[in-house]
């Protein structure tokens, strides 16, 4: 069955592409979630208009994300945690902790956008990537210090 994607779908295609999928996958998953529409001439025109509007919106969001990335690159977050004598933390610093510290500095960043491979478990300075948009990533300096 030929369908037109209305959104980017992982391992299938990008918005506006015409792809061939199994009828059951389209009928039971893509169409009910409005991720795709049937490939007809009228739907192609509608999806093309949606794609153009999305591209204009995407350009604006990308420029805003780049501005935010410049601001985030200039700050350093200090997080105080209890630690042992050898520098190991009692607990860890997670993406949620970093998001809270950013919130304290008036930056509203969702914790799911903070790309932390695993929790920070030792004292020190770290660079943490924050994916603001698909093509825009900012790095924030995080300093984990011992609590007094």
N, C-alpha and C. Protein backbone atom coordinates (compact mmCIF):
# COMPACT_ATOMS: atom_id res chain seq x y z
N UNK A 1 0.85 -1.17 0.00
CA UNK A 1 0.00 0.00 0.00
C UNK A 1 0.89 1.24 0.00
N UNK A 2 0.59 2.19 -0.88
CA UNK A 2 1.35 3.43 -0.94
C UNK A 2 0.72 4.46 -0.01
N UNK A 3 1.58 5.10 0.79
CA UNK A 3 1.11 6.14 1.71
C UNK A 3 2.06 7.33 1.63
N UNK A 4 1.58 8.48 2.12
CA UNK A 4 2.39 9.68 2.21
C UNK A 4 2.58 9.97 3.68
N UNK A 5 3.83 10.11 4.11
CA UNK A 5 4.12 10.37 5.52
C UNK A 5 3.85 11.83 5.87
N UNK A 6 3.13 12.03 6.97
CA UNK A 6 2.85 13.39 7.45
C UNK A 6 3.85 13.81 8.51
N UNK A 7 4.56 12.86 9.08
CA UNK A 7 5.59 13.11 10.09
C UNK A 7 6.79 12.23 9.78
N UNK A 8 7.94 12.57 10.34
CA UNK A 8 9.11 11.70 10.22
C UNK A 8 8.87 10.44 11.03
N UNK A 9 9.09 9.29 10.42
CA UNK A 9 8.92 8.01 11.10
C UNK A 9 10.25 7.28 11.03
N UNK A 10 10.78 6.90 12.20
CA UNK A 10 12.07 6.21 12.24
C UNK A 10 12.04 4.94 11.40
N UNK A 11 13.11 4.72 10.68
CA UNK A 11 13.33 3.53 9.85
C UNK A 11 12.30 3.37 8.73
N UNK A 12 11.55 4.46 8.43
CA UNK A 12 10.58 4.37 7.35
C UNK A 12 10.78 5.51 6.36
N UNK A 13 10.83 6.75 6.84
CA UNK A 13 11.03 7.86 5.92
C UNK A 13 10.77 9.19 6.58
N UNK A 14 10.90 10.24 5.78
CA UNK A 14 10.74 11.61 6.27
C UNK A 14 9.38 12.15 5.84
N UNK A 15 9.01 13.26 6.44
CA UNK A 15 7.75 13.92 6.15
C UNK A 15 7.66 14.23 4.65
N UNK A 16 6.50 13.91 4.06
CA UNK A 16 6.24 14.21 2.66
C UNK A 16 6.65 13.11 1.69
N UNK A 17 7.34 12.09 2.16
CA UNK A 17 7.76 11.00 1.27
C UNK A 17 6.61 10.04 0.99
N UNK A 18 6.61 9.50 -0.22
CA UNK A 18 5.67 8.45 -0.58
C UNK A 18 6.40 7.13 -0.39
N UNK A 19 5.87 6.27 0.48
CA UNK A 19 6.52 4.99 0.77
C UNK A 19 5.51 3.86 0.62
N UNK A 20 6.04 2.69 0.36
CA UNK A 20 5.21 1.49 0.23
C UNK A 20 5.37 0.67 1.50
N UNK A 21 4.24 0.40 2.17
CA UNK A 21 4.25 -0.37 3.41
C UNK A 21 3.17 -1.44 3.34
N UNK A 22 3.23 -2.36 4.27
CA UNK A 22 2.21 -3.39 4.35
C UNK A 22 0.87 -2.74 4.71
N UNK A 23 -0.19 -3.26 4.17
CA UNK A 23 -1.52 -2.69 4.38
C UNK A 23 -1.90 -2.68 5.87
N UNK A 24 -1.55 -3.73 6.59
CA UNK A 24 -1.88 -3.80 8.01
C UNK A 24 -1.13 -2.76 8.82
N UNK A 25 0.15 -2.53 8.50
CA UNK A 25 0.94 -1.53 9.20
C UNK A 25 0.35 -0.14 8.99
N UNK A 26 -0.06 0.13 7.77
CA UNK A 26 -0.67 1.44 7.47
C UNK A 26 -2.02 1.56 8.16
N UNK A 27 -2.86 0.56 8.03
CA UNK A 27 -4.23 0.62 8.53
C UNK A 27 -4.28 0.62 10.07
N UNK A 28 -3.38 -0.14 10.72
CA UNK A 28 -3.45 -0.32 12.17
C UNK A 28 -2.54 0.62 12.96
N UNK A 29 -1.51 1.16 12.32
CA UNK A 29 -0.56 1.98 13.07
C UNK A 29 -0.45 3.40 12.51
N UNK A 30 -0.08 3.53 11.26
CA UNK A 30 0.23 4.85 10.70
C UNK A 30 -1.01 5.73 10.52
N UNK A 31 -2.06 5.19 9.95
CA UNK A 31 -3.25 5.99 9.68
C UNK A 31 -3.99 6.42 10.95
N UNK A 32 -4.22 5.53 11.93
CA UNK A 32 -4.92 5.97 13.14
C UNK A 32 -4.16 7.04 13.94
N UNK A 33 -2.82 6.99 13.89
CA UNK A 33 -2.01 7.96 14.62
C UNK A 33 -1.74 9.23 13.80
N UNK A 34 -2.34 9.29 12.62
CA UNK A 34 -2.19 10.43 11.71
C UNK A 34 -0.74 10.70 11.34
N UNK A 35 0.05 9.64 11.26
CA UNK A 35 1.43 9.75 10.81
C UNK A 35 1.51 9.71 9.29
N UNK A 36 0.45 9.22 8.65
CA UNK A 36 0.44 9.08 7.20
C UNK A 36 -0.99 9.18 6.68
N UNK A 37 -1.08 9.41 5.37
CA UNK A 37 -2.37 9.40 4.67
C UNK A 37 -2.20 8.56 3.40
N UNK A 38 -3.32 8.12 2.84
CA UNK A 38 -3.27 7.35 1.60
C UNK A 38 -2.71 8.22 0.48
N UNK A 39 -2.00 7.61 -0.45
CA UNK A 39 -1.34 8.35 -1.52
C UNK A 39 -2.31 8.61 -2.67
N UNK A 40 -3.08 9.68 -2.56
CA UNK A 40 -3.95 10.13 -3.64
C UNK A 40 -3.47 11.50 -4.09
N UNK A 41 -3.95 11.95 -5.24
CA UNK A 41 -3.51 13.26 -5.76
C UNK A 41 -3.89 14.40 -4.82
N UNK A 42 -5.12 14.38 -4.30
CA UNK A 42 -5.54 15.46 -3.40
C UNK A 42 -4.73 15.44 -2.10
N UNK A 43 -4.45 14.24 -1.58
CA UNK A 43 -3.65 14.14 -0.36
C UNK A 43 -2.22 14.61 -0.60
N UNK A 44 -1.69 14.36 -1.80
CA UNK A 44 -0.33 14.81 -2.10
C UNK A 44 -0.24 16.33 -2.03
N UNK A 45 -1.25 17.02 -2.54
CA UNK A 45 -1.26 18.48 -2.49
C UNK A 45 -1.35 18.98 -1.06
N UNK A 46 -2.21 18.37 -0.27
CA UNK A 46 -2.38 18.78 1.12
C UNK A 46 -1.10 18.55 1.91
N UNK A 47 -0.49 17.40 1.73
CA UNK A 47 0.74 17.08 2.46
C UNK A 47 1.87 18.00 2.03
N UNK A 48 1.92 18.36 0.78
CA UNK A 48 2.96 19.29 0.30
C UNK A 48 2.80 20.66 0.97
N UNK A 49 1.57 21.13 1.12
CA UNK A 49 1.32 22.40 1.80
C UNK A 49 1.73 22.30 3.27
N UNK A 50 1.41 21.19 3.91
CA UNK A 50 1.81 20.98 5.30
C UNK A 50 3.32 20.96 5.44
N UNK A 51 3.98 20.32 4.46
CA UNK A 51 5.44 20.22 4.50
C UNK A 51 6.08 21.60 4.37
N UNK A 52 5.54 22.44 3.49
CA UNK A 52 6.08 23.79 3.32
C UNK A 52 5.90 24.60 4.60
N UNK A 53 4.74 24.50 5.22
CA UNK A 53 4.49 25.22 6.48
C UNK A 53 5.43 24.72 7.58
N UNK A 54 5.64 23.41 7.60
CA UNK A 54 6.54 22.82 8.60
C UNK A 54 7.97 23.31 8.39
N UNK A 55 8.41 23.41 7.15
CA UNK A 55 9.77 23.87 6.87
C UNK A 55 9.97 25.31 7.32
N UNK A 56 8.97 26.16 7.10
CA UNK A 56 9.07 27.55 7.56
C UNK A 56 9.16 27.61 9.08
N UNK A 57 8.34 26.81 9.74
CA UNK A 57 8.34 26.77 11.20
C UNK A 57 9.66 26.22 11.72
N UNK A 58 10.20 25.22 11.04
CA UNK A 58 11.45 24.58 11.43
C UNK A 58 12.62 25.56 11.38
N UNK A 59 12.64 26.44 10.39
CA UNK A 59 13.70 27.43 10.27
C UNK A 59 13.68 28.38 11.47
N UNK A 60 12.50 28.80 11.87
CA UNK A 60 12.37 29.70 13.02
C UNK A 60 12.82 29.00 14.30
N UNK A 61 12.38 27.75 14.49
CA UNK A 61 12.75 27.01 15.69
C UNK A 61 14.25 26.74 15.74
N UNK A 62 14.86 26.49 14.57
CA UNK A 62 16.29 26.22 14.53
C UNK A 62 17.08 27.46 14.93
N UNK A 63 16.67 28.63 14.44
CA UNK A 63 17.40 29.85 14.80
C UNK A 63 17.26 30.14 16.30
N UNK A 64 16.08 29.92 16.86
CA UNK A 64 15.89 30.10 18.31
C UNK A 64 16.75 29.12 19.10
N UNK A 65 16.84 27.88 18.63
CA UNK A 65 17.64 26.87 19.32
C UNK A 65 19.12 27.21 19.24
N UNK A 66 19.58 27.76 18.12
CA UNK A 66 20.98 28.15 18.00
C UNK A 66 21.31 29.29 18.96
N UNK A 67 20.40 30.25 19.12
CA UNK A 67 20.61 31.34 20.07
C UNK A 67 20.69 30.79 21.50
N UNK A 68 19.80 29.87 21.83
CA UNK A 68 19.80 29.26 23.15
C UNK A 68 21.08 28.46 23.38
N UNK A 69 21.57 27.79 22.33
CA UNK A 69 22.81 27.00 22.44
C UNK A 69 23.99 27.91 22.77
N UNK A 70 24.03 29.10 22.19
CA UNK A 70 25.12 30.04 22.49
C UNK A 70 25.06 30.46 23.96
N UNK A 71 23.85 30.71 24.47
CA UNK A 71 23.70 31.10 25.87
C UNK A 71 24.09 29.96 26.80
N UNK A 72 23.67 28.75 26.47
CA UNK A 72 23.98 27.59 27.32
C UNK A 72 25.46 27.26 27.30
N UNK A 73 26.13 27.49 26.18
CA UNK A 73 27.55 27.19 26.08
C UNK A 73 28.40 28.07 26.98
N UNK A 74 27.87 29.22 27.38
CA UNK A 74 28.63 30.17 28.18
C UNK A 74 28.47 29.97 29.68
N UNK A 75 27.56 29.10 30.10
CA UNK A 75 27.33 28.95 31.54
C UNK A 75 27.98 27.69 32.09
N UNK A 76 28.22 27.70 33.40
CA UNK A 76 28.72 26.54 34.11
C UNK A 76 27.77 26.25 35.26
N UNK A 77 27.38 25.02 35.38
CA UNK A 77 26.46 24.60 36.44
C UNK A 77 27.29 23.94 37.54
N UNK A 78 27.06 24.34 38.77
CA UNK A 78 27.74 23.73 39.91
C UNK A 78 26.71 22.97 40.72
N UNK A 79 26.98 21.69 40.92
CA UNK A 79 26.08 20.84 41.69
C UNK A 79 26.86 20.28 42.87
N UNK A 80 26.35 20.50 44.08
CA UNK A 80 27.01 20.02 45.30
C UNK A 80 26.34 18.73 45.75
N UNK A 81 27.16 17.71 46.00
CA UNK A 81 26.67 16.42 46.47
C UNK A 81 27.58 15.89 47.57
N UNK A 82 27.04 15.04 48.41
CA UNK A 82 27.86 14.38 49.42
C UNK A 82 28.78 13.39 48.73
N UNK A 83 30.05 13.39 49.18
CA UNK A 83 31.02 12.52 48.54
C UNK A 83 31.94 11.90 49.59
N UNK A 84 32.51 10.77 49.25
CA UNK A 84 33.46 10.10 50.12
C UNK A 84 34.84 10.71 49.96
N UNK A 85 35.81 10.18 50.68
CA UNK A 85 37.16 10.72 50.65
C UNK A 85 37.85 10.55 49.30
N UNK A 86 37.51 9.50 48.57
CA UNK A 86 38.18 9.25 47.30
C UNK A 86 37.47 9.91 46.11
N UNK A 87 36.49 10.77 46.37
CA UNK A 87 35.83 11.51 45.29
C UNK A 87 34.60 10.83 44.73
N UNK A 88 34.24 9.68 45.27
CA UNK A 88 33.03 9.00 44.82
C UNK A 88 31.81 9.63 45.48
N UNK A 89 30.76 9.81 44.72
CA UNK A 89 29.53 10.41 45.25
C UNK A 89 28.70 9.37 45.98
N UNK A 90 27.99 9.82 47.02
CA UNK A 90 26.97 8.99 47.65
C UNK A 90 25.70 9.23 46.85
N UNK A 91 25.45 8.43 45.85
CA UNK A 91 24.35 8.65 44.92
C UNK A 91 24.95 9.04 43.57
N UNK A 92 24.22 9.86 42.83
CA UNK A 92 24.71 10.26 41.51
C UNK A 92 24.03 11.55 41.08
N UNK A 93 24.57 12.13 40.02
CA UNK A 93 23.98 13.31 39.40
C UNK A 93 23.33 12.85 38.09
N UNK A 94 22.03 13.07 37.96
CA UNK A 94 21.29 12.59 36.79
C UNK A 94 20.88 13.75 35.90
N UNK A 95 20.25 13.42 34.80
CA UNK A 95 19.76 14.44 33.88
C UNK A 95 18.71 15.32 34.56
N UNK A 96 17.93 14.76 35.45
CA UNK A 96 16.94 15.54 36.19
C UNK A 96 17.59 16.58 37.09
N UNK A 97 18.72 16.21 37.71
CA UNK A 97 19.44 17.15 38.56
C UNK A 97 20.01 18.30 37.73
N UNK A 98 20.51 17.99 36.55
CA UNK A 98 21.06 19.02 35.67
C UNK A 98 19.93 19.93 35.18
N UNK A 99 18.78 19.36 34.86
CA UNK A 99 17.63 20.16 34.43
C UNK A 99 17.18 21.10 35.55
N UNK A 100 17.19 20.61 36.79
CA UNK A 100 16.82 21.45 37.94
C UNK A 100 17.80 22.59 38.12
N UNK A 101 19.10 22.30 37.94
CA UNK A 101 20.12 23.34 38.08
C UNK A 101 19.97 24.39 36.97
N UNK A 102 19.62 23.95 35.77
CA UNK A 102 19.38 24.89 34.67
C UNK A 102 18.13 25.72 34.96
N UNK A 103 17.12 25.11 35.54
CA UNK A 103 15.89 25.81 35.89
C UNK A 103 16.19 26.91 36.91
N UNK A 104 17.12 26.65 37.83
CA UNK A 104 17.49 27.65 38.83
C UNK A 104 18.18 28.85 38.18
N UNK A 105 18.79 28.62 37.00
CA UNK A 105 19.44 29.71 36.27
C UNK A 105 18.54 30.27 35.17
N UNK A 106 17.24 30.01 35.27
CA UNK A 106 16.21 30.56 34.37
C UNK A 106 16.24 29.97 32.96
N UNK A 107 16.73 28.73 32.81
CA UNK A 107 16.68 28.02 31.54
C UNK A 107 15.71 26.86 31.69
N UNK A 108 14.67 26.82 30.89
CA UNK A 108 13.69 25.75 30.97
C UNK A 108 14.03 24.69 29.93
N UNK A 109 14.73 23.66 30.38
CA UNK A 109 15.15 22.57 29.50
C UNK A 109 14.55 21.27 30.02
N UNK A 110 13.92 20.51 29.13
CA UNK A 110 13.35 19.22 29.51
C UNK A 110 14.47 18.23 29.79
N UNK A 111 14.34 17.45 30.85
CA UNK A 111 15.40 16.50 31.22
C UNK A 111 15.65 15.45 30.15
N UNK A 112 14.65 15.17 29.31
CA UNK A 112 14.82 14.16 28.27
C UNK A 112 15.71 14.66 27.14
N UNK A 113 15.93 15.96 27.06
CA UNK A 113 16.81 16.51 26.03
C UNK A 113 18.27 16.49 26.46
N UNK A 114 18.51 16.25 27.73
CA UNK A 114 19.88 16.18 28.24
C UNK A 114 20.42 14.79 27.96
N UNK A 115 21.49 14.73 27.18
CA UNK A 115 22.04 13.45 26.74
C UNK A 115 23.19 13.04 27.66
N UNK A 116 22.83 12.29 28.67
CA UNK A 116 23.77 11.81 29.66
C UNK A 116 23.80 10.29 29.52
N UNK A 117 24.94 9.75 29.04
CA UNK A 117 25.01 8.31 28.79
C UNK A 117 24.71 7.51 30.06
N UNK A 118 25.36 7.91 31.14
CA UNK A 118 25.06 7.30 32.43
C UNK A 118 25.24 8.37 33.50
N UNK A 119 24.68 8.14 34.65
CA UNK A 119 24.71 9.14 35.71
C UNK A 119 26.15 9.42 36.15
N UNK A 120 26.39 10.66 36.58
CA UNK A 120 27.72 11.07 37.05
C UNK A 120 27.87 10.59 38.48
N UNK A 121 28.93 9.82 38.75
CA UNK A 121 29.11 9.21 40.06
C UNK A 121 30.38 9.66 40.78
N UNK A 122 31.10 10.66 40.21
CA UNK A 122 32.34 11.11 40.83
C UNK A 122 32.43 12.63 40.76
N UNK A 123 33.22 13.21 41.64
CA UNK A 123 33.46 14.65 41.62
C UNK A 123 34.26 15.02 40.38
N UNK A 124 34.09 16.25 39.90
CA UNK A 124 34.87 16.69 38.76
C UNK A 124 34.08 17.59 37.84
N UNK A 125 34.72 17.92 36.73
CA UNK A 125 34.10 18.77 35.71
C UNK A 125 33.72 17.91 34.51
N UNK A 126 32.54 18.14 33.99
CA UNK A 126 32.02 17.34 32.88
C UNK A 126 31.42 18.25 31.83
N UNK A 127 31.42 17.80 30.59
CA UNK A 127 30.70 18.46 29.51
C UNK A 127 29.49 17.58 29.19
N UNK A 128 28.30 18.19 29.26
CA UNK A 128 27.06 17.46 29.03
C UNK A 128 26.38 18.03 27.79
N UNK A 129 26.01 17.17 26.87
CA UNK A 129 25.34 17.59 25.64
C UNK A 129 23.84 17.71 25.88
N UNK A 130 23.27 18.79 25.32
CA UNK A 130 21.83 19.00 25.39
C UNK A 130 21.34 19.14 23.96
N UNK A 131 20.47 18.24 23.56
CA UNK A 131 19.94 18.27 22.20
C UNK A 131 18.70 19.16 22.16
N UNK A 132 18.90 20.39 21.70
CA UNK A 132 17.81 21.36 21.69
C UNK A 132 16.86 21.13 20.53
N UNK A 133 17.41 20.68 19.41
CA UNK A 133 16.62 20.38 18.24
C UNK A 133 17.35 19.29 17.47
N UNK A 134 16.77 18.81 16.40
CA UNK A 134 17.37 17.70 15.66
C UNK A 134 18.79 18.02 15.23
N UNK A 135 19.06 19.24 14.79
CA UNK A 135 20.38 19.60 14.26
C UNK A 135 21.17 20.50 15.19
N UNK A 136 20.62 20.87 16.34
CA UNK A 136 21.28 21.82 17.24
C UNK A 136 21.52 21.15 18.59
N UNK A 137 22.80 21.08 18.96
CA UNK A 137 23.19 20.51 20.24
C UNK A 137 24.08 21.51 20.97
N UNK A 138 23.82 21.72 22.23
CA UNK A 138 24.63 22.61 23.05
C UNK A 138 25.39 21.80 24.08
N UNK A 139 26.56 22.30 24.47
CA UNK A 139 27.32 21.65 25.53
C UNK A 139 27.35 22.56 26.74
N UNK A 140 27.03 21.99 27.89
CA UNK A 140 27.01 22.73 29.14
C UNK A 140 28.09 22.15 30.04
N UNK A 141 28.84 23.05 30.69
CA UNK A 141 29.86 22.61 31.64
C UNK A 141 29.18 22.35 32.98
N UNK A 142 29.38 21.15 33.51
CA UNK A 142 28.80 20.77 34.80
C UNK A 142 29.95 20.47 35.74
N UNK A 143 29.95 21.16 36.87
CA UNK A 143 30.99 20.96 37.88
C UNK A 143 30.33 20.32 39.10
N UNK A 144 30.77 19.12 39.44
CA UNK A 144 30.23 18.42 40.60
C UNK A 144 31.24 18.58 41.74
N UNK A 145 30.81 19.22 42.83
CA UNK A 145 31.70 19.51 43.95
C UNK A 145 31.17 18.83 45.21
N UNK A 146 32.07 18.68 46.18
CA UNK A 146 31.68 18.06 47.45
C UNK A 146 30.86 19.03 48.28
N UNK A 147 29.83 18.51 48.91
CA UNK A 147 28.97 19.32 49.76
C UNK A 147 29.72 19.62 51.06
N UNK A 148 29.59 20.84 51.54
CA UNK A 148 30.31 21.23 52.76
C UNK A 148 29.73 20.58 54.00
